[in-house]
């Protein structure tokens, strides 16, 4: 496990509360994935592989989420503060 993935997992743990982790674990998220909410007005739920957390582009999104929401995410899960289009562009890059 690389240093970047360890750092990303630690950041994710700080971001999500115990209640949220329990909710995400039981809400049809496959093993090795995490649910995130993305969008400016209407939040859309995406399920992404945890391997994305290690990538610098995604770590930038996690930093932005931490700056904007701290430990209190309005959707109950990890909320990414960017447009849906921007998020899809990043996940497309990470998927290729």
PDB file of N, CA and C in Angstrom:
ATOM      1  N   UNK A   1       0.860  -1.174   0.000  1.00  0.00           N
ATOM      2  CA  UNK A   1       0.000   0.000   0.000  1.00  0.00           C
ATOM      3  C   UNK A   1       0.902   1.231   0.000  1.00  0.00           C
ATOM      4  N   UNK A   2       0.706   2.120  -0.946  1.00  0.00           N
ATOM      5  CA  UNK A   2       1.546   3.299  -1.064  1.00  0.00           C
ATOM      6  C   UNK A   2       1.217   4.353  -0.026  1.00  0.00           C
ATOM      7  N   UNK A   3       2.166   5.243   0.175  1.00  0.00           N
ATOM      8  CA  UNK A   3       1.999   6.339   1.134  1.00  0.00           C
ATOM      9  C   UNK A   3       0.793   7.190   0.774  1.00  0.00           C
ATOM     10  N   UNK A   4       0.597   7.457  -0.521  1.00  0.00           N
ATOM     11  CA  UNK A   4      -0.536   8.288  -0.953  1.00  0.00           C
ATOM     12  C   UNK A   4      -1.869   7.679  -0.581  1.00  0.00           C
ATOM     13  N   UNK A   5      -2.006   6.352  -0.728  1.00  0.00           N
ATOM     14  CA  UNK A   5      -3.258   5.690  -0.389  1.00  0.00           C
ATOM     15  C   UNK A   5      -3.489   5.733   1.112  1.00  0.00           C
ATOM     16  N   UNK A   6      -2.434   5.563   1.897  1.00  0.00           N
ATOM     17  CA  UNK A   6      -2.564   5.649   3.353  1.00  0.00           C
ATOM     18  C   UNK A   6      -3.033   7.042   3.743  1.00  0.00           C
ATOM     19  N   UNK A   7      -2.428   8.073   3.132  1.00  0.00           N
ATOM     20  CA  UNK A   7      -2.818   9.457   3.415  1.00  0.00           C
ATOM     21  C   UNK A   7      -4.281   9.700   3.034  1.00  0.00           C
ATOM     22  N   UNK A   8      -4.680   9.193   1.884  1.00  0.00           N
ATOM     23  CA  UNK A   8      -6.064   9.376   1.423  1.00  0.00           C
ATOM     24  C   UNK A   8      -7.045   8.674   2.351  1.00  0.00           C
ATOM     25  N   UNK A   9      -6.698   7.463   2.787  1.00  0.00           N
ATOM     26  CA  UNK A   9      -7.589   6.739   3.700  1.00  0.00           C
ATOM     27  C   UNK A   9      -7.710   7.475   5.030  1.00  0.00           C
ATOM     28  N   UNK A  10      -6.604   8.019   5.529  1.00  0.00           N
ATOM     29  CA  UNK A  10      -6.656   8.773   6.782  1.00  0.00           C
ATOM     30  C   UNK A  10      -7.539  10.003   6.626  1.00  0.00           C
ATOM     31  N   UNK A  11      -7.401  10.687   5.501  1.00  0.00           N
ATOM     32  CA  UNK A  11      -8.221  11.880   5.256  1.00  0.00           C
ATOM     33  C   UNK A  11      -9.694  11.498   5.170  1.00  0.00           C
ATOM     34  N   UNK A  12      -9.983  10.375   4.501  1.00  0.00           N
ATOM     35  CA  UNK A  12     -11.360   9.931   4.375  1.00  0.00           C
ATOM     36  C   UNK A  12     -11.933   9.577   5.746  1.00  0.00           C
ATOM     37  N   UNK A  13     -11.141   8.898   6.574  1.00  0.00           N
ATOM     38  CA  UNK A  13     -11.615   8.561   7.922  1.00  0.00           C
ATOM     39  C   UNK A  13     -11.922   9.811   8.732  1.00  0.00           C
ATOM     40  N   UNK A  14     -11.064  10.828   8.610  1.00  0.00           N
ATOM     41  CA  UNK A  14     -11.315  12.073   9.341  1.00  0.00           C
ATOM     42  C   UNK A  14     -12.583  12.740   8.850  1.00  0.00           C
ATOM     43  N   UNK A  15     -12.857  12.593   7.572  1.00  0.00           N
ATOM     44  CA  UNK A  15     -13.992  13.278   6.962  1.00  0.00           C
ATOM     45  C   UNK A  15     -15.326  12.625   7.292  1.00  0.00           C
ATOM     46  N   UNK A  16     -15.356  11.307   7.337  1.00  0.00           N
ATOM     47  CA  UNK A  16     -16.616  10.604   7.550  1.00  0.00           C
ATOM     48  C   UNK A  16     -16.799  10.246   9.019  1.00  0.00           C
ATOM     49  N   UNK A  17     -17.970  10.474   9.527  1.00  0.00           N
ATOM     50  CA  UNK A  17     -18.274  10.108  10.911  1.00  0.00           C
ATOM     51  C   UNK A  17     -18.559   8.614  10.999  1.00  0.00           C
ATOM     52  N   UNK A  18     -18.554   8.080  12.203  1.00  0.00           N
ATOM     53  CA  UNK A  18     -18.832   6.649  12.398  1.00  0.00           C
ATOM     54  C   UNK A  18     -20.224   6.303  11.873  1.00  0.00           C
ATOM     55  N   UNK A  19     -21.195   7.165  12.091  1.00  0.00           N
ATOM     56  CA  UNK A  19     -22.552   6.911  11.610  1.00  0.00           C
ATOM     57  C   UNK A  19     -22.589   6.844  10.096  1.00  0.00           C
ATOM     58  N   UNK A  20     -21.868   7.731   9.460  1.00  0.00           N
ATOM     59  CA  UNK A  20     -21.838   7.754   8.011  1.00  0.00           C
ATOM     60  C   UNK A  20     -21.171   6.501   7.471  1.00  0.00           C
ATOM     61  N   UNK A  21     -20.070   6.083   8.065  1.00  0.00           N
ATOM     62  CA  UNK A  21     -19.400   4.860   7.611  1.00  0.00           C
ATOM     63  C   UNK A  21     -20.348   3.678   7.702  1.00  0.00           C
ATOM     64  N   UNK A  22     -21.115   3.575   8.805  1.00  0.00           N
ATOM     65  CA  UNK A  22     -22.063   2.472   8.947  1.00  0.00           C
ATOM     66  C   UNK A  22     -23.156   2.547   7.885  1.00  0.00           C
ATOM     67  N   UNK A  23     -23.642   3.739   7.595  1.00  0.00           N
ATOM     68  CA  UNK A  23     -24.673   3.923   6.580  1.00  0.00           C
ATOM     69  C   UNK A  23     -24.142   3.532   5.208  1.00  0.00           C
ATOM     70  N   UNK A  24     -22.930   3.981   4.878  1.00  0.00           N
ATOM     71  CA  UNK A  24     -22.355   3.662   3.582  1.00  0.00           C
ATOM     72  C   UNK A  24     -22.107   2.174   3.433  1.00  0.00           C
ATOM     73  N   UNK A  25     -21.743   1.514   4.507  1.00  0.00           N
ATOM     74  CA  UNK A  25     -21.445   0.088   4.443  1.00  0.00           C
ATOM     75  C   UNK A  25     -22.690  -0.730   4.132  1.00  0.00           C
ATOM     76  N   UNK A  26     -23.855  -0.215   4.464  1.00  0.00           N
ATOM     77  CA  UNK A  26     -25.082  -0.980   4.266  1.00  0.00           C
ATOM     78  C   UNK A  26     -25.951  -0.439   3.130  1.00  0.00           C
ATOM     79  N   UNK A  27     -25.448   0.470   2.339  1.00  0.00           N
ATOM     80  CA  UNK A  27     -26.293   1.090   1.315  1.00  0.00           C
ATOM     81  C   UNK A  27     -25.882   0.670  -0.099  1.00  0.00           C
ATOM     82  N   UNK A  28     -25.665  -0.627  -0.294  1.00  0.00           N
ATOM     83  CA  UNK A  28     -25.377  -1.185  -1.611  1.00  0.00           C
ATOM     84  C   UNK A  28     -24.112  -0.630  -2.258  1.00  0.00           C
ATOM     85  N   UNK A  29     -23.093  -0.392  -1.454  1.00  0.00           N
ATOM     86  CA  UNK A  29     -21.796   0.001  -1.976  1.00  0.00           C
ATOM     87  C   UNK A  29     -20.933  -1.253  -2.005  1.00  0.00           C
ATOM     88  N   UNK A  30     -20.484  -1.670  -3.202  1.00  0.00           N
ATOM     89  CA  UNK A  30     -19.681  -2.896  -3.284  1.00  0.00           C
ATOM     90  C   UNK A  30     -18.368  -2.759  -2.512  1.00  0.00           C
ATOM     91  N   UNK A  31     -17.856  -3.882  -2.079  1.00  0.00           N
ATOM     92  CA  UNK A  31     -16.584  -3.898  -1.381  1.00  0.00           C
ATOM     93  C   UNK A  31     -15.518  -3.272  -2.284  1.00  0.00           C
ATOM     94  N   UNK A  32     -14.678  -2.435  -1.702  1.00  0.00           N
ATOM     95  CA  UNK A  32     -13.632  -1.779  -2.477  1.00  0.00           C
ATOM     96  C   UNK A  32     -14.080  -0.488  -3.128  1.00  0.00           C
ATOM     97  N   UNK A  33     -15.276  -0.010  -2.778  1.00  0.00           N
ATOM     98  CA  UNK A  33     -15.830   1.219  -3.340  1.00  0.00           C
ATOM     99  C   UNK A  33     -16.311   2.131  -2.218  1.00  0.00           C
ATOM    100  N   UNK A  34     -16.573   3.364  -2.562  1.00  0.00           N
ATOM    101  CA  UNK A  34     -17.131   4.331  -1.623  1.00  0.00           C
ATOM    102  C   UNK A  34     -18.143   5.197  -2.372  1.00  0.00           C
ATOM    103  N   UNK A  35     -19.192   5.584  -1.671  1.00  0.00           N
ATOM    104  CA  UNK A  35     -20.198   6.470  -2.266  1.00  0.00           C
ATOM    105  C   UNK A  35     -19.822   7.918  -1.987  1.00  0.00           C
ATOM    106  N   UNK A  36     -19.963   8.757  -2.999  1.00  0.00           N
ATOM    107  CA  UNK A  36     -19.731  10.193  -2.841  1.00  0.00           C
ATOM    108  C   UNK A  36     -20.909  10.934  -3.463  1.00  0.00           C
ATOM    109  N   UNK A  37     -21.125  12.147  -2.984  1.00  0.00           N
ATOM    110  CA  UNK A  37     -22.193  13.000  -3.515  1.00  0.00           C
ATOM    111  C   UNK A  37     -21.552  14.195  -4.187  1.00  0.00           C
ATOM    112  N   UNK A  38     -21.989  14.479  -5.411  1.00  0.00           N
ATOM    113  CA  UNK A  38     -21.347  15.494  -6.238  1.00  0.00           C
ATOM    114  C   UNK A  38     -22.404  16.402  -6.846  1.00  0.00           C
ATOM    115  N   UNK A  39     -22.075  17.666  -6.958  1.00  0.00           N
ATOM    116  CA  UNK A  39     -22.960  18.612  -7.625  1.00  0.00           C
ATOM    117  C   UNK A  39     -23.042  19.903  -6.855  1.00  0.00           C
ATOM    118  N   UNK A  40     -23.470  20.938  -7.540  1.00  0.00           N
ATOM    119  CA  UNK A  40     -23.540  22.247  -6.906  1.00  0.00           C
ATOM    120  C   UNK A  40     -24.886  22.474  -6.228  1.00  0.00           C
ATOM    121  N   UNK A  41     -25.980  22.172  -6.908  1.00  0.00           N
ATOM    122  CA  UNK A  41     -27.307  22.351  -6.311  1.00  0.00           C
ATOM    123  C   UNK A  41     -27.919  20.998  -5.953  1.00  0.00           C
ATOM    124  N   UNK A  42     -28.202  20.208  -6.942  1.00  0.00           N
ATOM    125  CA  UNK A  42     -28.741  18.865  -6.718  1.00  0.00           C
ATOM    126  C   UNK A  42     -27.590  17.879  -6.698  1.00  0.00           C
ATOM    127  N   UNK A  43     -27.384  17.257  -5.572  1.00  0.00           N
ATOM    128  CA  UNK A  43     -26.277  16.319  -5.413  1.00  0.00           C
ATOM    129  C   UNK A  43     -26.636  14.972  -6.031  1.00  0.00           C
ATOM    130  N   UNK A  44     -25.701  14.426  -6.805  1.00  0.00           N
ATOM    131  CA  UNK A  44     -25.880  13.117  -7.409  1.00  0.00           C
ATOM    132  C   UNK A  44     -24.917  12.146  -6.737  1.00  0.00           C
ATOM    133  N   UNK A  45     -25.387  10.944  -6.481  1.00  0.00           N
ATOM    134  CA  UNK A  45     -24.576   9.933  -5.809  1.00  0.00           C
ATOM    135  C   UNK A  45     -23.792   9.131  -6.842  1.00  0.00           C
ATOM    136  N   UNK A  46     -22.490   9.010  -6.602  1.00  0.00           N
ATOM    137  CA  UNK A  46     -21.607   8.188  -7.417  1.00  0.00           C
ATOM    138  C   UNK A  46     -20.954   7.158  -6.515  1.00  0.00           C
ATOM    139  N   UNK A  47     -20.735   5.964  -7.026  1.00  0.00           N
ATOM    140  CA  UNK A  47     -19.986   4.934  -6.309  1.00  0.00           C
ATOM    141  C   UNK A  47     -18.684   4.739  -7.078  1.00  0.00           C
ATOM    142  N   UNK A  48     -17.575   4.993  -6.398  1.00  0.00           N
ATOM    143  CA  UNK A  48     -16.266   4.961  -7.058  1.00  0.00           C
ATOM    144  C   UNK A  48     -15.348   3.962  -6.375  1.00  0.00           C
ATOM    145  N   UNK A  49     -14.374   3.434  -7.114  1.00  0.00           N
ATOM    146  CA  UNK A  49     -13.395   2.532  -6.491  1.00  0.00           C
ATOM    147  C   UNK A  49     -12.503   3.291  -5.507  1.00  0.00           C
ATOM    148  N   UNK A  50     -12.144   2.648  -4.417  1.00  0.00           N
ATOM    149  CA  UNK A  50     -11.277   3.325  -3.445  1.00  0.00           C
ATOM    150  C   UNK A  50      -9.896   3.608  -4.019  1.00  0.00           C
ATOM    151  N   UNK A  51      -9.523   2.924  -5.098  1.00  0.00           N
ATOM    152  CA  UNK A  51      -8.222   3.189  -5.731  1.00  0.00           C
ATOM    153  C   UNK A  51      -8.121   4.635  -6.215  1.00  0.00           C
ATOM    154  N   UNK A  52      -9.248   5.278  -6.511  1.00  0.00           N
ATOM    155  CA  UNK A  52      -9.237   6.679  -6.932  1.00  0.00           C
ATOM    156  C   UNK A  52      -8.685   7.590  -5.836  1.00  0.00           C
ATOM    157  N   UNK A  53      -8.854   7.185  -4.580  1.00  0.00           N
ATOM    158  CA  UNK A  53      -8.430   8.024  -3.462  1.00  0.00           C
ATOM    159  C   UNK A  53      -6.929   8.271  -3.458  1.00  0.00           C
ATOM    160  N   UNK A  54      -6.176   7.419  -4.114  1.00  0.00           N
ATOM    161  CA  UNK A  54      -4.719   7.535  -4.143  1.00  0.00           C
ATOM    162  C   UNK A  54      -4.221   8.514  -5.198  1.00  0.00           C
ATOM    163  N   UNK A  55      -5.056   8.878  -6.134  1.00  0.00           N
ATOM    164  CA  UNK A  55      -4.632   9.720  -7.252  1.00  0.00           C
ATOM    165  C   UNK A  55      -4.615  11.199  -6.844  1.00  0.00           C
ATOM    166  N   UNK A  56      -3.558  11.939  -7.243  1.00  0.00           N
ATOM    167  CA  UNK A  56      -3.465  13.360  -6.878  1.00  0.00           C
ATOM    168  C   UNK A  56      -4.673  14.200  -7.318  1.00  0.00           C
ATOM    169  N   UNK A  57      -5.272  13.888  -8.476  1.00  0.00           N
ATOM    170  CA  UNK A  57      -6.459  14.646  -8.900  1.00  0.00           C
ATOM    171  C   UNK A  57      -7.606  14.465  -7.925  1.00  0.00           C
ATOM    172  N   UNK A  58      -7.780  13.243  -7.435  1.00  0.00           N
ATOM    173  CA  UNK A  58      -8.868  13.000  -6.499  1.00  0.00           C
ATOM    174  C   UNK A  58      -8.519  13.528  -5.112  1.00  0.00           C
ATOM    175  N   UNK A  59      -7.251  13.463  -4.741  1.00  0.00           N
ATOM    176  CA  UNK A  59      -6.841  14.013  -3.449  1.00  0.00           C
ATOM    177  C   UNK A  59      -7.092  15.509  -3.398  1.00  0.00           C
ATOM    178  N   UNK A  60      -6.969  16.178  -4.534  1.00  0.00           N
ATOM    179  CA  UNK A  60      -7.309  17.602  -4.596  1.00  0.00           C
ATOM    180  C   UNK A  60      -8.787  17.815  -4.292  1.00  0.00           C
ATOM    181  N   UNK A  61      -9.645  16.948  -4.818  1.00  0.00           N
ATOM    182  CA  UNK A  61     -11.078  17.045  -4.514  1.00  0.00           C
ATOM    183  C   UNK A  61     -11.340  16.800  -3.028  1.00  0.00           C
ATOM    184  N   UNK A  62     -10.613  15.838  -2.431  1.00  0.00           N
ATOM    185  CA  UNK A  62     -10.771  15.566  -0.998  1.00  0.00           C
ATOM    186  C   UNK A  62     -10.329  16.765  -0.167  1.00  0.00           C
ATOM    187  N   UNK A  63      -9.248  17.420  -0.591  1.00  0.00           N
ATOM    188  CA  UNK A  63      -8.796  18.629   0.112  1.00  0.00           C
ATOM    189  C   UNK A  63      -9.858  19.715   0.048  1.00  0.00           C
ATOM    190  N   UNK A  64     -10.459  19.883  -1.127  1.00  0.00           N
ATOM    191  CA  UNK A  64     -11.512  20.888  -1.278  1.00  0.00           C
ATOM    192  C   UNK A  64     -12.721  20.553  -0.408  1.00  0.00           C
ATOM    193  N   UNK A  65     -13.070  19.272  -0.336  1.00  0.00           N
ATOM    194  CA  UNK A  65     -14.195  18.844   0.508  1.00  0.00           C
ATOM    195  C   UNK A  65     -13.894  19.130   1.967  1.00  0.00           C
ATOM    196  N   UNK A  66     -12.666  18.851   2.376  1.00  0.00           N
ATOM    197  CA  UNK A  66     -12.281  19.095   3.769  1.00  0.00           C
ATOM    198  C   UNK A  66     -12.316  20.588   4.089  1.00  0.00           C
ATOM    199  N   UNK A  67     -11.849  21.421   3.153  1.00  0.00           N
ATOM    200  CA  UNK A  67     -11.870  22.872   3.360  1.00  0.00           C
ATOM    201  C   UNK A  67     -13.293  23.401   3.459  1.00  0.00           C
ATOM    202  N   UNK A  68     -14.174  22.905   2.594  1.00  0.00           N
ATOM    203  CA  UNK A  68     -15.538  23.444   2.547  1.00  0.00           C
ATOM    204  C   UNK A  68     -16.436  22.896   3.645  1.00  0.00           C
ATOM    205  N   UNK A  69     -16.345  21.591   3.922  1.00  0.00           N
ATOM    206  CA  UNK A  69     -17.290  20.968   4.834  1.00  0.00           C
ATOM    207  C   UNK A  69     -16.680  20.529   6.159  1.00  0.00           C
ATOM    208  N   UNK A  70     -15.367  20.420   6.241  1.00  0.00           N
ATOM    209  CA  UNK A  70     -14.757  19.902   7.462  1.00  0.00           C
ATOM    210  C   UNK A  70     -15.259  18.501   7.723  1.00  0.00           C
ATOM    211  N   UNK A  71     -15.805  18.287   8.911  1.00  0.00           N
ATOM    212  CA  UNK A  71     -16.290  16.967   9.283  1.00  0.00           C
ATOM    213  C   UNK A  71     -17.804  16.847   9.168  1.00  0.00           C
ATOM    214  N   UNK A  72     -18.474  17.897   8.718  1.00  0.00           N
ATOM    215  CA  UNK A  72     -19.925  17.917   8.656  1.00  0.00           C
ATOM    216  C   UNK A  72     -20.378  17.964   7.199  1.00  0.00           C
ATOM    217  N   UNK A  73     -20.667  16.801   6.628  1.00  0.00           N
ATOM    218  CA  UNK A  73     -21.098  16.744   5.238  1.00  0.00           C
ATOM    219  C   UNK A  73     -22.621  16.744   5.165  1.00  0.00           C
ATOM    220  N   UNK A  74     -23.203  17.664   4.402  1.00  0.00           N
ATOM    221  CA  UNK A  74     -24.657  17.852   4.396  1.00  0.00           C
ATOM    222  C   UNK A  74     -25.456  16.643   3.905  1.00  0.00           C
ATOM    223  N   UNK A  75     -24.881  15.805   3.080  1.00  0.00           N
ATOM    224  CA  UNK A  75     -25.625  14.667   2.543  1.00  0.00           C
ATOM    225  C   UNK A  75     -25.470  13.421   3.411  1.00  0.00           C
ATOM    226  N   UNK A  76     -24.696  13.520   4.484  1.00  0.00           N
ATOM    227  CA  UNK A  76     -24.484  12.368   5.338  1.00  0.00           C
ATOM    228  C   UNK A  76     -23.329  11.503   4.887  1.00  0.00           C
ATOM    229  N   UNK A  77     -22.921  11.626   3.634  1.00  0.00           N
ATOM    230  CA  UNK A  77     -21.770  10.916   3.100  1.00  0.00           C
ATOM    231  C   UNK A  77     -20.753  11.927   2.624  1.00  0.00           C
ATOM    232  N   UNK A  78     -19.717  11.456   2.015  1.00  0.00           N
ATOM    233  CA  UNK A  78     -18.674  12.335   1.512  1.00  0.00           C
ATOM    234  C   UNK A  78     -19.229  13.179   0.376  1.00  0.00           C
ATOM    235  N   UNK A  79     -19.216  14.492   0.542  1.00  0.00           N
ATOM    236  CA  UNK A  79     -19.721  15.420  -0.461  1.00  0.00           C
ATOM    237  C   UNK A  79     -18.548  16.111  -1.130  1.00  0.00           C
ATOM    238  N   UNK A  80     -18.493  16.028  -2.448  1.00  0.00           N
ATOM    239  CA  UNK A  80     -17.411  16.644  -3.223  1.00  0.00           C
ATOM    240  C   UNK A  80     -17.922  17.966  -3.782  1.00  0.00           C
ATOM    241  N   UNK A  81     -17.278  19.096  -3.425  1.00  0.00           N
ATOM    242  CA  UNK A  81     -17.764  20.412  -3.856  1.00  0.00           C
ATOM    243  C   UNK A  81     -17.254  20.806  -5.242  1.00  0.00           C
ATOM    244  N   UNK A  82     -17.824  20.186  -6.257  1.00  0.00           N
ATOM    245  CA  UNK A  82     -17.495  20.568  -7.633  1.00  0.00           C
ATOM    246  C   UNK A  82     -18.703  20.240  -8.503  1.00  0.00           C
ATOM    247  N   UNK A  83     -18.649  20.693  -9.733  1.00  0.00           N
ATOM    248  CA  UNK A  83     -19.754  20.385 -10.640  1.00  0.00           C
ATOM    249  C   UNK A  83     -19.706  18.912 -11.022  1.00  0.00           C
ATOM    250  N   UNK A  84     -20.854  18.394 -11.386  1.00  0.00           N
ATOM    251  CA  UNK A  84     -20.938  17.005 -11.824  1.00  0.00           C
ATOM    252  C   UNK A  84     -20.071  16.783 -13.071  1.00  0.00           C
ATOM    253  N   UNK A  85     -20.047  17.756 -13.967  1.00  0.00           N
ATOM    254  CA  UNK A  85     -19.249  17.644 -15.188  1.00  0.00           C
ATOM    255  C   UNK A  85     -17.763  17.526 -14.865  1.00  0.00           C
ATOM    256  N   UNK A  86     -17.283  18.347 -13.932  1.00  0.00           N
ATOM    257  CA  UNK A  86     -15.869  18.301 -13.529  1.00  0.00           C
ATOM    258  C   UNK A  86     -15.542  16.934 -12.908  1.00  0.00           C
ATOM    259  N   UNK A  87     -16.419  16.444 -12.052  1.00  0.00           N
ATOM    260  CA  UNK A  87     -16.204  15.154 -11.407  1.00  0.00           C
ATOM    261  C   UNK A  87     -16.149  14.029 -12.444  1.00  0.00           C
ATOM    262  N   UNK A  88     -17.057  14.057 -13.412  1.00  0.00           N
ATOM    263  CA  UNK A  88     -17.075  13.029 -14.456  1.00  0.00           C
ATOM    264  C   UNK A  88     -15.794  13.090 -15.279  1.00  0.00           C
ATOM    265  N   UNK A  89     -15.309  14.300 -15.589  1.00  0.00           N
ATOM    266  CA  UNK A  89     -14.043  14.425 -16.325  1.00  0.00           C
ATOM    267  C   UNK A  89     -12.897  13.787 -15.544  1.00  0.00           C
ATOM    268  N   UNK A  90     -12.834  14.050 -14.242  1.00  0.00           N
ATOM    269  CA  UNK A  90     -11.755  13.492 -13.420  1.00  0.00           C
ATOM    270  C   UNK A  90     -11.865  11.970 -13.347  1.00  0.00           C
ATOM    271  N   UNK A  91     -13.061  11.461 -13.104  1.00  0.00           N
ATOM    272  CA  UNK A  91     -13.210  10.003 -13.001  1.00  0.00           C
ATOM    273  C   UNK A  91     -12.953   9.327 -14.349  1.00  0.00           C
ATOM    274  N   UNK A  92     -13.234  10.006 -15.446  1.00  0.00           N
ATOM    275  CA  UNK A  92     -12.921   9.451 -16.773  1.00  0.00           C
ATOM    276  C   UNK A  92     -11.405   9.328 -16.940  1.00  0.00           C
ATOM    277  N   UNK A  93     -10.668  10.342 -16.507  1.00  0.00           N
ATOM    278  CA  UNK A  93      -9.207  10.299 -16.557  1.00  0.00           C
ATOM    279  C   UNK A  93      -8.691   9.154 -15.680  1.00  0.00           C
ATOM    280  N   UNK A  94      -9.234   9.032 -14.481  1.00  0.00           N
ATOM    281  CA  UNK A  94      -8.779   8.001 -13.555  1.00  0.00           C
ATOM    282  C   UNK A  94      -9.137   6.608 -14.037  1.00  0.00           C
ATOM    283  N   UNK A  95     -10.186   6.496 -14.802  1.00  0.00           N
ATOM    284  CA  UNK A  95     -10.662   5.200 -15.286  1.00  0.00           C
ATOM    285  C   UNK A  95      -9.859   4.694 -16.491  1.00  0.00           C
ATOM    286  N   UNK A  96      -9.124   5.614 -17.132  1.00  0.00           N
ATOM    287  CA  UNK A  96      -8.390   5.193 -18.338  1.00  0.00           C
ATOM    288  C   UNK A  96      -6.947   4.831 -18.053  1.00  0.00           C
TER     289      UNK A  96
END
